[in-house]
Amino acid sequence: MEAEVLRILDVNLNRVREALRVIEDYLRFVVDDADAAAAIKQCRHDVRAIMAALGGDMLLAARDIVSDVGRDVKTAGELQRASVEDVVRAAFGRVSEAARVLGEYGKLISPAAAAAAETLRYRAYELEQRVVLRGTLRRRFRDVRLYVLVTEALCRRPWLETVAAAIRGGAGCLQLREKQLDDGELLRRAHQLRALATQHGVLLAINDRPDIAKLARADIVHVGQDDLPVRETRRIAGAGILVGKSTHTLEQFDAALAEEPDYVAVGPVFPSGTKPQPHIAGPATLAAVRGRTELPLVAIGGITGANVSQVAAAGATCIAVSAAVITADDPEAAARAIVAGMSSP
């Protein structure tokens, strides 16, 4: 093999490895996104496999730093970054560019390695959306402890008044869950809730409906087992929106992880009058799945201020409730009790 081709492959392997490390360190030390960091780490493992298929020692032997005419050529833009986010965007650009070069020149040595490089490039495109487009929302959601599902028919007080009280009590995310409304009224309420969520700096989720979520500029679409898969949900709502997935069993949980949602809900943890299910997942299911993912784990179903500490002990990072807050005489106090229970020993 000509030395020039080996040098091209070597320099681009180095580029992609270095850029992936830049991204991984951002995820580990700046935004604390363990799930995305693990995905980037897997990409670095894939690069090592590509290097081995191309002949790592042969590439290393062909390396010639001294004769590289482009080594000292820098543009003004390369030497400046306005923020850590700009650093990450530039790193993703290097990953995709270098992977494309590896895919083309790798065909001269190993078609299998070239195909793996193409797979890596498309994987990088997906991860760029996760990190760059959804990164801020993912970070905000990890801080949510109370997630309140809003259905007007269950509210003891006017529904917007109830929601405002829940926010004062510590709700960090609101989900509009109205199964019976026509589309026009559903969208109108989504806009109302969007305005309230924006005013108070909390997240807005829409249940089941990626189209309504997109029109209302929601932060999250939540889908169940009988709804659209995560990928198709994002195709409708947009790549910048978070998608959460409901699960009830260990098998459903593992299948949900393969869809790559931004969080996974598990329930019902206890019997629930709001959404009865023949199967009760229980705290044991939460404990069983906690070690299977770094994603936020949302517990739902029958949770109250009296039992929330059991759910937190089982590994939930967030509690989703409906009746426990919105049917209460004092939704603010009810919400506050659940948030307090999340931090109780």
C-alpha atoms as a PDB file:
ATOM      1  CA  MET A   1       0.000   0.000   0.000  1.00  0.00           C
ATOM      2  CA  GLU A   2       1.303   3.458  -0.882  1.00  0.00           C
ATOM      3  CA  ALA A   3       2.682   5.381   2.082  1.00  0.00           C
ATOM      4  CA  GLU A   4       0.611   8.427   1.170  1.00  0.00           C
ATOM      5  CA  VAL A   5      -2.657   6.523   1.669  1.00  0.00           C
ATOM      6  CA  LEU A   6      -1.444   5.133   4.977  1.00  0.00           C
ATOM      7  CA  ARG A   7      -0.573   8.645   6.135  1.00  0.00           C
ATOM      8  CA  ILE A   8      -4.050   9.883   5.196  1.00  0.00           C
ATOM      9  CA  LEU A   9      -5.666   7.079   7.153  1.00  0.00           C
ATOM     10  CA  ASP A  10      -3.400   7.588  10.153  1.00  0.00           C
ATOM     11  CA  VAL A  11      -3.986  11.325  10.443  1.00  0.00           C
ATOM     12  CA  ASN A  12      -7.749  10.931  10.172  1.00  0.00           C
ATOM     13  CA  LEU A  13      -7.853   8.175  12.746  1.00  0.00           C
ATOM     14  CA  ASN A  14      -6.006  10.543  15.057  1.00  0.00           C
ATOM     15  CA  ARG A  15      -8.431  13.353  14.267  1.00  0.00           C
ATOM     16  CA  VAL A  16     -11.515  11.308  15.030  1.00  0.00           C
ATOM     17  CA  ARG A  17     -10.062   9.860  18.257  1.00  0.00           C
ATOM     18  CA  GLU A  18      -8.980  13.251  19.539  1.00  0.00           C
ATOM     19  CA  ALA A  19     -12.300  14.899  18.667  1.00  0.00           C
ATOM     20  CA  LEU A  20     -14.266  12.152  20.401  1.00  0.00           C
ATOM     21  CA  ARG A  21     -12.180  12.648  23.535  1.00  0.00           C
ATOM     22  CA  VAL A  22     -12.943  16.392  23.467  1.00  0.00           C
ATOM     23  CA  ILE A  23     -16.670  15.606  23.297  1.00  0.00           C
ATOM     24  CA  GLU A  24     -16.526  12.912  25.978  1.00  0.00           C
ATOM     25  CA  ASP A  25     -14.752  15.218  28.440  1.00  0.00           C
ATOM     26  CA  TYR A  26     -17.390  17.902  27.844  1.00  0.00           C
ATOM     27  CA  LEU A  27     -20.123  15.391  28.631  1.00  0.00           C
ATOM     28  CA  ARG A  28     -18.346  14.085  31.720  1.00  0.00           C
ATOM     29  CA  PHE A  29     -17.094  17.295  33.280  1.00  0.00           C
ATOM     30  CA  VAL A  30     -19.269  20.128  31.947  1.00  0.00           C
ATOM     31  CA  VAL A  31     -22.793  18.749  31.572  1.00  0.00           C
ATOM     32  CA  ASP A  32     -22.583  15.483  33.581  1.00  0.00           C
ATOM     33  CA  ASP A  33     -24.431  13.516  30.906  1.00  0.00           C
ATOM     34  CA  ALA A  34     -23.281   9.988  31.673  1.00  0.00           C
ATOM     35  CA  ASP A  35     -25.551   8.385  29.089  1.00  0.00           C
ATOM     36  CA  ALA A  36     -24.220  10.458  26.192  1.00  0.00           C
ATOM     37  CA  ALA A  37     -20.646  10.100  27.492  1.00  0.00           C
ATOM     38  CA  ALA A  38     -21.029   6.326  27.409  1.00  0.00           C
ATOM     39  CA  ALA A  39     -22.216   6.511  23.794  1.00  0.00           C
ATOM     40  CA  ILE A  40     -19.170   8.569  22.818  1.00  0.00           C
ATOM     41  CA  LYS A  41     -16.903   6.141  24.655  1.00  0.00           C
ATOM     42  CA  GLN A  42     -18.405   3.329  22.569  1.00  0.00           C
ATOM     43  CA  CYS A  43     -17.529   5.326  19.443  1.00  0.00           C
ATOM     44  CA  ARG A  44     -13.921   5.518  20.603  1.00  0.00           C
ATOM     45  CA  HIS A  45     -13.963   1.743  21.006  1.00  0.00           C
ATOM     46  CA  ASP A  46     -15.297   1.442  17.444  1.00  0.00           C
ATOM     47  CA  VAL A  47     -12.448   3.630  16.181  1.00  0.00           C
ATOM     48  CA  ARG A  48      -9.918   1.287  17.765  1.00  0.00           C
ATOM     49  CA  ALA A  49     -11.537  -1.599  15.882  1.00  0.00           C
ATOM     50  CA  ILE A  50     -11.308   0.351  12.614  1.00  0.00           C
ATOM     51  CA  MET A  51      -7.645   1.071  13.295  1.00  0.00           C
ATOM     52  CA  ALA A  52      -6.928  -2.604  13.892  1.00  0.00           C
ATOM     53  CA  ALA A  53      -8.675  -3.575  10.641  1.00  0.00           C
ATOM     54  CA  LEU A  54      -6.625  -1.020   8.704  1.00  0.00           C
ATOM     55  CA  GLY A  55      -3.364  -2.222  10.255  1.00  0.00           C
ATOM     56  CA  GLY A  56      -2.467  -0.099  13.244  1.00  0.00           C
ATOM     57  CA  ASP A  57       1.269  -0.767  13.267  1.00  0.00           C
ATOM     58  CA  MET A  58       1.499  -0.195   9.527  1.00  0.00           C
ATOM     59  CA  LEU A  59      -0.238   3.166   9.897  1.00  0.00           C
ATOM     60  CA  LEU A  60       2.003   4.163  12.773  1.00  0.00           C
ATOM     61  CA  ALA A  61       5.098   3.307  10.765  1.00  0.00           C
ATOM     62  CA  ALA A  62       3.907   5.513   7.902  1.00  0.00           C
ATOM     63  CA  ARG A  63       3.386   8.546  10.146  1.00  0.00           C
ATOM     64  CA  ASP A  64       5.585  11.473   9.095  1.00  0.00           C
ATOM     65  CA  ILE A  65       4.942  14.616  11.112  1.00  0.00           C
ATOM     66  CA  VAL A  66       7.983  16.463   9.833  1.00  0.00           C
ATOM     67  CA  SER A  67       6.926  16.257   6.187  1.00  0.00           C
ATOM     68  CA  ASP A  68       3.291  17.216   6.796  1.00  0.00           C
ATOM     69  CA  VAL A  69       2.901  20.492   4.902  1.00  0.00           C
ATOM     70  CA  GLY A  70      -0.437  21.205   6.589  1.00  0.00           C
ATOM     71  CA  ARG A  71       0.800  20.820  10.160  1.00  0.00           C
ATOM     72  CA  ASP A  72       1.310  24.533  10.816  1.00  0.00           C
ATOM     73  CA  VAL A  73      -1.462  25.878   8.585  1.00  0.00           C
ATOM     74  CA  LYS A  74      -4.173  27.397  10.779  1.00  0.00           C
ATOM     75  CA  THR A  75      -7.059  29.713  10.031  1.00  0.00           C
ATOM     76  CA  ALA A  76      -8.055  32.461  12.458  1.00  0.00           C
ATOM     77  CA  GLY A  77     -11.277  30.629  13.248  1.00  0.00           C
ATOM     78  CA  GLU A  78      -9.427  27.480  14.338  1.00  0.00           C
ATOM     79  CA  LEU A  79      -7.597  29.408  17.062  1.00  0.00           C
ATOM     80  CA  GLN A  80     -10.732  30.953  18.601  1.00  0.00           C
ATOM     81  CA  ARG A  81     -13.767  29.512  20.365  1.00  0.00           C
ATOM     82  CA  ALA A  82     -16.511  31.600  21.964  1.00  0.00           C
ATOM     83  CA  SER A  83     -17.773  28.914  24.366  1.00  0.00           C
ATOM     84  CA  VAL A  84     -17.401  25.285  25.385  1.00  0.00           C
ATOM     85  CA  GLU A  85     -20.426  24.558  23.206  1.00  0.00           C
ATOM     86  CA  ASP A  86     -18.508  25.919  20.213  1.00  0.00           C
ATOM     87  CA  VAL A  87     -15.624  23.613  21.111  1.00  0.00           C
ATOM     88  CA  VAL A  88     -18.005  20.638  21.017  1.00  0.00           C
ATOM     89  CA  ARG A  89     -19.632  21.686  17.745  1.00  0.00           C
ATOM     90  CA  ALA A  90     -16.202  21.952  16.122  1.00  0.00           C
ATOM     91  CA  ALA A  91     -15.230  18.545  17.502  1.00  0.00           C
ATOM     92  CA  PHE A  92     -18.325  16.916  16.003  1.00  0.00           C
ATOM     93  CA  GLY A  93     -17.421  18.520  12.683  1.00  0.00           C
ATOM     94  CA  ARG A  94     -13.967  16.936  12.837  1.00  0.00           C
ATOM     95  CA  VAL A  95     -15.461  13.532  13.666  1.00  0.00           C
ATOM     96  CA  SER A  96     -17.785  13.512  10.665  1.00  0.00           C
ATOM     97  CA  GLU A  97     -15.155  14.876   8.258  1.00  0.00           C
ATOM     98  CA  ALA A  98     -12.464  12.455   9.405  1.00  0.00           C
ATOM     99  CA  ALA A  99     -14.876   9.509   9.351  1.00  0.00           C
ATOM    100  CA  ARG A 100     -15.783  10.365   5.751  1.00  0.00           C
ATOM    101  CA  VAL A 101     -12.106  10.320   4.757  1.00  0.00           C
ATOM    102  CA  LEU A 102     -11.616   7.003   6.534  1.00  0.00           C
ATOM    103  CA  GLY A 103     -14.634   5.594   4.726  1.00  0.00           C
ATOM    104  CA  GLU A 104     -13.280   6.584   1.308  1.00  0.00           C
ATOM    105  CA  TYR A 105      -9.579   5.771   1.630  1.00  0.00           C
ATOM    106  CA  GLY A 106     -10.254   2.754   3.830  1.00  0.00           C
ATOM    107  CA  LYS A 107     -11.834   1.040   0.828  1.00  0.00           C
ATOM    108  CA  LEU A 108      -8.316   0.645  -0.565  1.00  0.00           C
ATOM    109  CA  ILE A 109      -7.293  -1.566   2.361  1.00  0.00           C
ATOM    110  CA  SER A 110     -10.340  -2.997   4.103  1.00  0.00           C
ATOM    111  CA  PRO A 111     -13.943  -2.717   2.864  1.00  0.00           C
ATOM    112  CA  ALA A 112     -15.099  -3.831   6.325  1.00  0.00           C
ATOM    113  CA  ALA A 113     -13.194  -0.985   7.984  1.00  0.00           C
ATOM    114  CA  ALA A 114     -14.566   1.464   5.421  1.00  0.00           C
ATOM    115  CA  ALA A 115     -18.118   0.323   6.179  1.00  0.00           C
ATOM    116  CA  ALA A 116     -17.469   0.693   9.910  1.00  0.00           C
ATOM    117  CA  ALA A 117     -16.225   4.234   9.324  1.00  0.00           C
ATOM    118  CA  GLU A 118     -19.442   5.063   7.470  1.00  0.00           C
ATOM    119  CA  THR A 119     -21.463   3.660  10.374  1.00  0.00           C
ATOM    120  CA  LEU A 120     -19.410   5.781  12.756  1.00  0.00           C
ATOM    121  CA  ARG A 121     -20.110   8.900  10.696  1.00  0.00           C
ATOM    122  CA  TYR A 122     -23.882   8.409  10.816  1.00  0.00           C
ATOM    123  CA  ARG A 123     -23.680   7.594  14.518  1.00  0.00           C
ATOM    124  CA  ALA A 124     -21.837  10.881  15.039  1.00  0.00           C
ATOM    125  CA  TYR A 125     -24.633  12.757  13.262  1.00  0.00           C
ATOM    126  CA  GLU A 126     -27.171  11.271  15.684  1.00  0.00           C
ATOM    127  CA  LEU A 127     -25.023  11.980  18.728  1.00  0.00           C
ATOM    128  CA  GLU A 128     -24.505  15.561  17.606  1.00  0.00           C
ATOM    129  CA  GLN A 129     -28.258  16.043  17.717  1.00  0.00           C
ATOM    130  CA  ARG A 130     -28.406  14.505  21.188  1.00  0.00           C
ATOM    131  CA  VAL A 131     -25.554  16.599  22.574  1.00  0.00           C
ATOM    132  CA  VAL A 132     -25.901  19.890  20.705  1.00  0.00           C
ATOM    133  CA  LEU A 133     -29.636  20.189  20.005  1.00  0.00           C
ATOM    134  CA  ARG A 134     -31.005  18.433  23.099  1.00  0.00           C
ATOM    135  CA  GLY A 135     -28.112  18.890  25.495  1.00  0.00           C
ATOM    136  CA  THR A 136     -29.534  21.839  27.431  1.00  0.00           C
ATOM    137  CA  LEU A 137     -32.961  20.236  27.772  1.00  0.00           C
ATOM    138  CA  ARG A 138     -31.420  16.923  28.837  1.00  0.00           C
ATOM    139  CA  ARG A 139     -29.428  18.753  31.512  1.00  0.00           C
ATOM    140  CA  ARG A 140     -32.533  20.566  32.743  1.00  0.00           C
ATOM    141  CA  PHE A 141     -34.568  17.368  32.865  1.00  0.00           C
ATOM    142  CA  ARG A 142     -31.941  15.609  34.982  1.00  0.00           C
ATOM    143  CA  ASP A 143     -32.598  18.239  37.658  1.00  0.00           C
ATOM    144  CA  VAL A 144     -36.376  17.637  37.688  1.00  0.00           C
ATOM    145  CA  ARG A 145     -37.626  15.845  40.786  1.00  0.00           C
ATOM    146  CA  LEU A 146     -41.377  16.304  40.357  1.00  0.00           C
ATOM    147  CA  TYR A 147     -43.211  15.819  37.061  1.00  0.00           C
ATOM    148  CA  VAL A 148     -46.921  16.637  37.201  1.00  0.00           C
ATOM    149  CA  LEU A 149     -49.429  15.235  34.691  1.00  0.00           C
ATOM    150  CA  VAL A 150     -52.281  17.643  34.090  1.00  0.00           C
ATOM    151  CA  THR A 151     -55.834  16.560  33.212  1.00  0.00           C
ATOM    152  CA  GLU A 152     -58.494  19.199  33.778  1.00  0.00           C
ATOM    153  CA  ALA A 153     -61.232  16.738  34.762  1.00  0.00           C
ATOM    154  CA  LEU A 154     -59.173  15.625  37.764  1.00  0.00           C
ATOM    155  CA  CYS A 155     -58.349  19.108  39.022  1.00  0.00           C
ATOM    156  CA  ARG A 156     -60.231  20.196  42.134  1.00  0.00           C
ATOM    157  CA  ARG A 157     -59.476  23.845  41.356  1.00  0.00           C
ATOM    158  CA  PRO A 158     -59.289  25.616  37.959  1.00  0.00           C
ATOM    159  CA  TRP A 159     -56.658  23.752  35.978  1.00  0.00           C
ATOM    160  CA  LEU A 160     -54.258  26.639  35.303  1.00  0.00           C
ATOM    161  CA  GLU A 161     -54.511  27.708  38.934  1.00  0.00           C
ATOM    162  CA  THR A 162     -53.747  24.128  39.957  1.00  0.00           C
ATOM    163  CA  VAL A 163     -50.705  24.018  37.689  1.00  0.00           C
ATOM    164  CA  ALA A 164     -49.361  27.300  39.047  1.00  0.00           C
ATOM    165  CA  ALA A 165     -49.689  25.935  42.583  1.00  0.00           C
ATOM    166  CA  ALA A 166     -47.855  22.740  41.610  1.00  0.00           C
ATOM    167  CA  ILE A 167     -45.004  24.819  40.217  1.00  0.00           C
ATOM    168  CA  ARG A 168     -44.759  26.786  43.459  1.00  0.00           C
ATOM    169  CA  GLY A 169     -44.562  23.449  45.257  1.00  0.00           C
ATOM    170  CA  GLY A 170     -41.564  22.342  43.217  1.00  0.00           C
ATOM    171  CA  ALA A 171     -42.861  20.790  39.984  1.00  0.00           C
ATOM    172  CA  GLY A 172     -40.094  21.081  37.405  1.00  0.00           C
ATOM    173  CA  CYS A 173     -41.986  19.551  34.497  1.00  0.00           C
ATOM    174  CA  LEU A 174     -45.640  19.689  33.455  1.00  0.00           C
ATOM    175  CA  GLN A 175     -47.285  17.199  31.114  1.00  0.00           C
ATOM    176  CA  LEU A 176     -50.499  18.000  29.284  1.00  0.00           C
ATOM    177  CA  ARG A 177     -52.439  14.753  29.323  1.00  0.00           C
ATOM    178  CA  GLU A 178     -55.861  15.174  27.753  1.00  0.00           C
ATOM    179  CA  LYS A 179     -57.087  12.119  25.859  1.00  0.00           C
ATOM    180  CA  GLN A 180     -60.586  13.330  25.038  1.00  0.00           C
ATOM    181  CA  LEU A 181     -60.076  16.856  23.667  1.00  0.00           C
ATOM    182  CA  ASP A 182     -60.355  17.670  19.981  1.00  0.00           C
ATOM    183  CA  ASP A 183     -57.137  18.802  18.319  1.00  0.00           C
ATOM    184  CA  GLY A 184     -57.958  22.510  18.289  1.00  0.00           C
ATOM    185  CA  GLU A 185     -58.715  22.675  22.001  1.00  0.00           C
ATOM    186  CA  LEU A 186     -55.722  20.491  22.813  1.00  0.00           C
ATOM    187  CA  LEU A 187     -53.425  22.866  20.947  1.00  0.00           C
ATOM    188  CA  ARG A 188     -54.989  25.892  22.638  1.00  0.00           C
ATOM    189  CA  ARG A 189     -54.330  24.408  26.064  1.00  0.00           C
ATOM    190  CA  ALA A 190     -50.822  23.414  25.040  1.00  0.00           C
ATOM    191  CA  HIS A 191     -50.118  27.050  24.174  1.00  0.00           C
ATOM    192  CA  GLN A 192     -51.538  28.156  27.527  1.00  0.00           C
ATOM    193  CA  LEU A 193     -49.357  25.686  29.375  1.00  0.00           C
ATOM    194  CA  ARG A 194     -46.343  26.679  27.252  1.00  0.00           C
ATOM    195  CA  ALA A 195     -46.760  30.289  28.335  1.00  0.00           C
ATOM    196  CA  LEU A 196     -47.039  29.323  31.998  1.00  0.00           C
ATOM    197  CA  ALA A 197     -44.062  26.952  31.825  1.00  0.00           C
ATOM    198  CA  THR A 198     -41.918  29.602  30.156  1.00  0.00           C
ATOM    199  CA  GLN A 199     -42.926  32.203  32.727  1.00  0.00           C
ATOM    200  CA  HIS A 200     -41.794  29.971  35.587  1.00  0.00           C
ATOM    201  CA  GLY A 201     -38.806  28.322  33.903  1.00  0.00           C
ATOM    202  CA  VAL A 202     -40.153  24.768  33.965  1.00  0.00           C
ATOM    203  CA  LEU A 203     -40.359  22.151  31.227  1.00  0.00           C
ATOM    204  CA  LEU A 204     -43.441  21.359  29.168  1.00  0.00           C
ATOM    205  CA  ALA A 205     -44.314  17.847  27.986  1.00  0.00           C
ATOM    206  CA  ILE A 206     -47.151  16.725  25.735  1.00  0.00           C
ATOM    207  CA  ASN A 207     -48.549  13.221  26.095  1.00  0.00           C
ATOM    208  CA  ASP A 208     -48.681  11.044  22.947  1.00  0.00           C
ATOM    209  CA  ARG A 209     -48.864  13.839  20.369  1.00  0.00           C
ATOM    210  CA  PRO A 210     -45.613  14.873  18.640  1.00  0.00           C
ATOM    211  CA  ASP A 211     -47.555  17.080  16.216  1.00  0.00           C
ATOM    212  CA  ILE A 212     -49.114  19.121  19.031  1.00  0.00           C
ATOM    213  CA  ALA A 213     -45.769  19.242  20.821  1.00  0.00           C
ATOM    214  CA  LYS A 214     -44.085  20.713  17.765  1.00  0.00           C
ATOM    215  CA  LEU A 215     -46.787  23.328  17.204  1.00  0.00           C
ATOM    216  CA  ALA A 216     -46.771  24.353  20.872  1.00  0.00           C
ATOM    217  CA  ARG A 217     -42.949  24.425  21.061  1.00  0.00           C
ATOM    218  CA  ALA A 218     -42.991  21.881  23.895  1.00  0.00           C
ATOM    219  CA  ASP A 219     -39.773  20.574  25.391  1.00  0.00           C
ATOM    220  CA  ILE A 220     -40.829  16.926  25.615  1.00  0.00           C
ATOM    221  CA  VAL A 221     -43.093  14.361  23.996  1.00  0.00           C
ATOM    222  CA  HIS A 222     -43.986  11.401  26.186  1.00  0.00           C
ATOM    223  CA  VAL A 223     -45.013   8.190  24.438  1.00  0.00           C
ATOM    224  CA  GLY A 224     -46.401   4.910  25.707  1.00  0.00           C
ATOM    225  CA  GLN A 225     -46.125   1.332  24.608  1.00  0.00           C
ATOM    226  CA  ASP A 226     -48.912   1.702  22.047  1.00  0.00           C
ATOM    227  CA  ASP A 227     -47.734   5.044  20.638  1.00  0.00           C
ATOM    228  CA  LEU A 228     -45.185   5.871  17.949  1.00  0.00           C
ATOM    229  CA  PRO A 229     -41.619   4.638  18.478  1.00  0.00           C
ATOM    230  CA  VAL A 230     -39.073   7.172  19.690  1.00  0.00           C
ATOM    231  CA  ARG A 231     -37.362   7.650  16.314  1.00  0.00           C
ATOM    232  CA  GLU A 232     -40.623   8.312  14.471  1.00  0.00           C
ATOM    233  CA  THR A 233     -41.754  10.633  17.261  1.00  0.00           C
ATOM    234  CA  ARG A 234     -38.631  12.736  16.751  1.00  0.00           C
ATOM    235  CA  ARG A 235     -39.186  12.774  12.994  1.00  0.00           C
ATOM    236  CA  ILE A 236     -42.501  14.535  13.602  1.00  0.00           C
ATOM    237  CA  ALA A 237     -41.682  16.686  16.623  1.00  0.00           C
ATOM    238  CA  GLY A 238     -38.120  17.569  15.592  1.00  0.00           C
ATOM    239  CA  ALA A 239     -34.681  16.351  16.636  1.00  0.00           C
ATOM    240  CA  GLY A 240     -34.347  19.053  19.294  1.00  0.00           C
ATOM    241  CA  ILE A 241     -37.179  17.774  21.476  1.00  0.00           C
ATOM    242  CA  LEU A 242     -36.833  15.262  24.294  1.00  0.00           C
ATOM    243  CA  VAL A 243     -38.746  11.998  24.037  1.00  0.00           C
ATOM    244  CA  GLY A 244     -39.653   9.917  27.067  1.00  0.00           C
ATOM    245  CA  LYS A 245     -40.939   6.356  26.969  1.00  0.00           C
ATOM    246  CA  SER A 246     -43.279   4.502  29.351  1.00  0.00           C
ATOM    247  CA  THR A 247     -42.450   0.938  30.388  1.00  0.00           C
ATOM    248  CA  HIS A 248     -44.114  -1.560  32.712  1.00  0.00           C
ATOM    249  CA  THR A 249     -41.833  -4.621  32.650  1.00  0.00           C
ATOM    250  CA  LEU A 250     -38.137  -5.416  32.454  1.00  0.00           C
ATOM    251  CA  GLU A 251     -38.563  -6.579  28.859  1.00  0.00           C
ATOM    252  CA  GLN A 252     -40.252  -3.343  27.868  1.00  0.00           C
ATOM    253  CA  PHE A 253     -37.546  -1.365  29.644  1.00  0.00           C
ATOM    254  CA  ASP A 254     -34.744  -3.064  27.711  1.00  0.00           C
ATOM    255  CA  ALA A 255     -36.629  -2.585  24.442  1.00  0.00           C
ATOM    256  CA  ALA A 256     -37.116   1.101  25.255  1.00  0.00           C
ATOM    257  CA  LEU A 257     -33.387   1.610  25.828  1.00  0.00           C
ATOM    258  CA  ALA A 258     -32.730   0.328  22.305  1.00  0.00           C
ATOM    259  CA  GLU A 259     -34.932   3.169  20.982  1.00  0.00           C
ATOM    260  CA  GLU A 260     -32.642   5.721  22.690  1.00  0.00           C
ATOM    261  CA  PRO A 261     -35.180   7.910  24.498  1.00  0.00           C
ATOM    262  CA  ASP A 262     -34.039  10.802  26.678  1.00  0.00           C
ATOM    263  CA  TYR A 263     -35.610   9.292  29.785  1.00  0.00           C
ATOM    264  CA  VAL A 264     -37.574   6.170  30.685  1.00  0.00           C
ATOM    265  CA  ALA A 265     -40.668   5.999  32.887  1.00  0.00           C
ATOM    266  CA  VAL A 266     -41.423   2.871  34.923  1.00  0.00           C
ATOM    267  CA  GLY A 267     -44.771   2.070  36.452  1.00  0.00           C
ATOM    268  CA  PRO A 268     -47.217   1.791  37.873  1.00  0.00           C
ATOM    269  CA  VAL A 269     -45.080   1.576  40.985  1.00  0.00           C
ATOM    270  CA  PHE A 270     -48.231   1.226  43.113  1.00  0.00           C
ATOM    271  CA  PRO A 271     -51.885   0.673  42.169  1.00  0.00           C
ATOM    272  CA  SER A 272     -53.223   3.812  40.515  1.00  0.00           C
ATOM    273  CA  GLY A 273     -56.795   4.983  40.165  1.00  0.00           C
ATOM    274  CA  THR A 274     -55.789   7.511  37.495  1.00  0.00           C
ATOM    275  CA  LYS A 275     -54.365   4.932  35.106  1.00  0.00           C
ATOM    276  CA  PRO A 276     -55.161   1.370  36.232  1.00  0.00           C
ATOM    277  CA  GLN A 277     -52.892  -1.378  34.894  1.00  0.00           C
ATOM    278  CA  PRO A 278     -53.222  -5.152  35.252  1.00  0.00           C
ATOM    279  CA  HIS A 279     -49.506  -5.380  36.005  1.00  0.00           C
ATOM    280  CA  ILE A 280     -47.967  -3.456  38.920  1.00  0.00           C
ATOM    281  CA  ALA A 281     -44.261  -2.900  38.329  1.00  0.00           C
ATOM    282  CA  GLY A 282     -43.538  -2.057  41.956  1.00  0.00           C
ATOM    283  CA  PRO A 283     -40.400  -0.595  43.546  1.00  0.00           C
ATOM    284  CA  ALA A 284     -38.594  -3.876  42.817  1.00  0.00           C
ATOM    285  CA  THR A 285     -38.740  -3.200  39.074  1.00  0.00           C
ATOM    286  CA  LEU A 286     -37.265   0.249  39.619  1.00  0.00           C
ATOM    287  CA  ALA A 287     -34.432  -1.234  41.627  1.00  0.00           C
ATOM    288  CA  ALA A 288     -33.824  -3.877  38.958  1.00  0.00           C
ATOM    289  CA  VAL A 289     -33.535  -1.395  36.082  1.00  0.00           C
ATOM    290  CA  ARG A 290     -31.531   1.305  37.862  1.00  0.00           C
ATOM    291  CA  GLY A 291     -28.222  -0.323  36.978  1.00  0.00           C
ATOM    292  CA  ARG A 292     -29.139  -0.779  33.310  1.00  0.00           C
ATOM    293  CA  THR A 293     -28.964   2.861  32.232  1.00  0.00           C
ATOM    294  CA  GLU A 294     -27.564   6.277  33.017  1.00  0.00           C
ATOM    295  CA  LEU A 295     -30.744   7.920  31.726  1.00  0.00           C
ATOM    296  CA  PRO A 296     -33.121   9.681  34.115  1.00  0.00           C
ATOM    297  CA  LEU A 297     -35.522   7.146  35.592  1.00  0.00           C
ATOM    298  CA  VAL A 298     -39.060   8.440  36.135  1.00  0.00           C
ATOM    299  CA  ALA A 299     -41.323   6.552  38.548  1.00  0.00           C
ATOM    300  CA  ILE A 300     -45.072   6.816  37.987  1.00  0.00           C
ATOM    301  CA  GLY A 301     -48.279   5.355  39.343  1.00  0.00           C
ATOM    302  CA  GLY A 302     -49.887   5.581  42.791  1.00  0.00           C
ATOM    303  CA  ILE A 303     -47.102   7.677  44.287  1.00  0.00           C
ATOM    304  CA  THR A 304     -47.933  10.039  47.154  1.00  0.00           C
ATOM    305  CA  GLY A 305     -46.110  11.985  49.813  1.00  0.00           C
ATOM    306  CA  ALA A 306     -46.545   8.960  52.096  1.00  0.00           C
ATOM    307  CA  ASN A 307     -44.728   6.423  49.883  1.00  0.00           C
ATOM    308  CA  VAL A 308     -42.401   8.568  47.778  1.00  0.00           C
ATOM    309  CA  SER A 309     -39.356   7.808  49.940  1.00  0.00           C
ATOM    310  CA  GLN A 310     -39.684   4.106  49.014  1.00  0.00           C
ATOM    311  CA  VAL A 311     -39.597   5.048  45.346  1.00  0.00           C
ATOM    312  CA  ALA A 312     -36.578   7.299  45.760  1.00  0.00           C
ATOM    313  CA  ALA A 313     -34.760   4.539  47.645  1.00  0.00           C
ATOM    314  CA  ALA A 314     -35.458   2.147  44.753  1.00  0.00           C
ATOM    315  CA  GLY A 315     -33.550   4.427  42.383  1.00  0.00           C
ATOM    316  CA  ALA A 316     -36.000   6.847  40.771  1.00  0.00           C
ATOM    317  CA  THR A 317     -34.483  10.193  39.835  1.00  0.00           C
ATOM    318  CA  CYS A 318     -37.873  11.824  39.204  1.00  0.00           C
ATOM    319  CA  ILE A 319     -41.432  11.260  40.399  1.00  0.00           C
ATOM    320  CA  ALA A 320     -44.384  11.634  38.023  1.00  0.00           C
ATOM    321  CA  VAL A 321     -47.786  12.147  39.632  1.00  0.00           C
ATOM    322  CA  SER A 322     -51.241  13.276  38.703  1.00  0.00           C
ATOM    323  CA  ALA A 323     -53.978  12.776  41.309  1.00  0.00           C
ATOM    324  CA  ALA A 324     -51.599  13.143  44.260  1.00  0.00           C
ATOM    325  CA  VAL A 325     -51.178  16.809  43.350  1.00  0.00           C
ATOM    326  CA  ILE A 326     -53.965  18.007  41.082  1.00  0.00           C
ATOM    327  CA  THR A 327     -56.837  16.520  43.116  1.00  0.00           C
ATOM    328  CA  ALA A 328     -55.460  17.891  46.391  1.00  0.00           C
ATOM    329  CA  ASP A 329     -57.146  20.729  48.268  1.00  0.00           C
ATOM    330  CA  ASP A 330     -53.717  22.358  48.408  1.00  0.00           C
ATOM    331  CA  PRO A 331     -51.737  21.328  45.291  1.00  0.00           C
ATOM    332  CA  GLU A 332     -48.743  23.412  46.353  1.00  0.00           C
ATOM    333  CA  ALA A 333     -48.434  21.637  49.698  1.00  0.00           C
ATOM    334  CA  ALA A 334     -48.980  18.236  48.078  1.00  0.00           C
ATOM    335  CA  ALA A 335     -46.240  18.922  45.532  1.00  0.00           C
ATOM    336  CA  ARG A 336     -43.894  20.199  48.226  1.00  0.00           C
ATOM    337  CA  ALA A 337     -44.389  17.035  50.288  1.00  0.00           C
ATOM    338  CA  ILE A 338     -43.446  14.809  47.362  1.00  0.00           C
ATOM    339  CA  VAL A 339     -40.338  16.847  46.567  1.00  0.00           C
ATOM    340  CA  ALA A 340     -39.323  16.680  50.228  1.00  0.00           C
ATOM    341  CA  GLY A 341     -39.851  12.930  50.216  1.00  0.00           C
ATOM    342  CA  MET A 342     -37.435  12.556  47.304  1.00  0.00           C
ATOM    343  CA  SER A 343     -34.599  13.838  49.487  1.00  0.00           C
ATOM    344  CA  SER A 344     -35.580  12.116  52.719  1.00  0.00           C
ATOM    345  CA  PRO A 345     -33.242   9.392  53.998  1.00  0.00           C
END
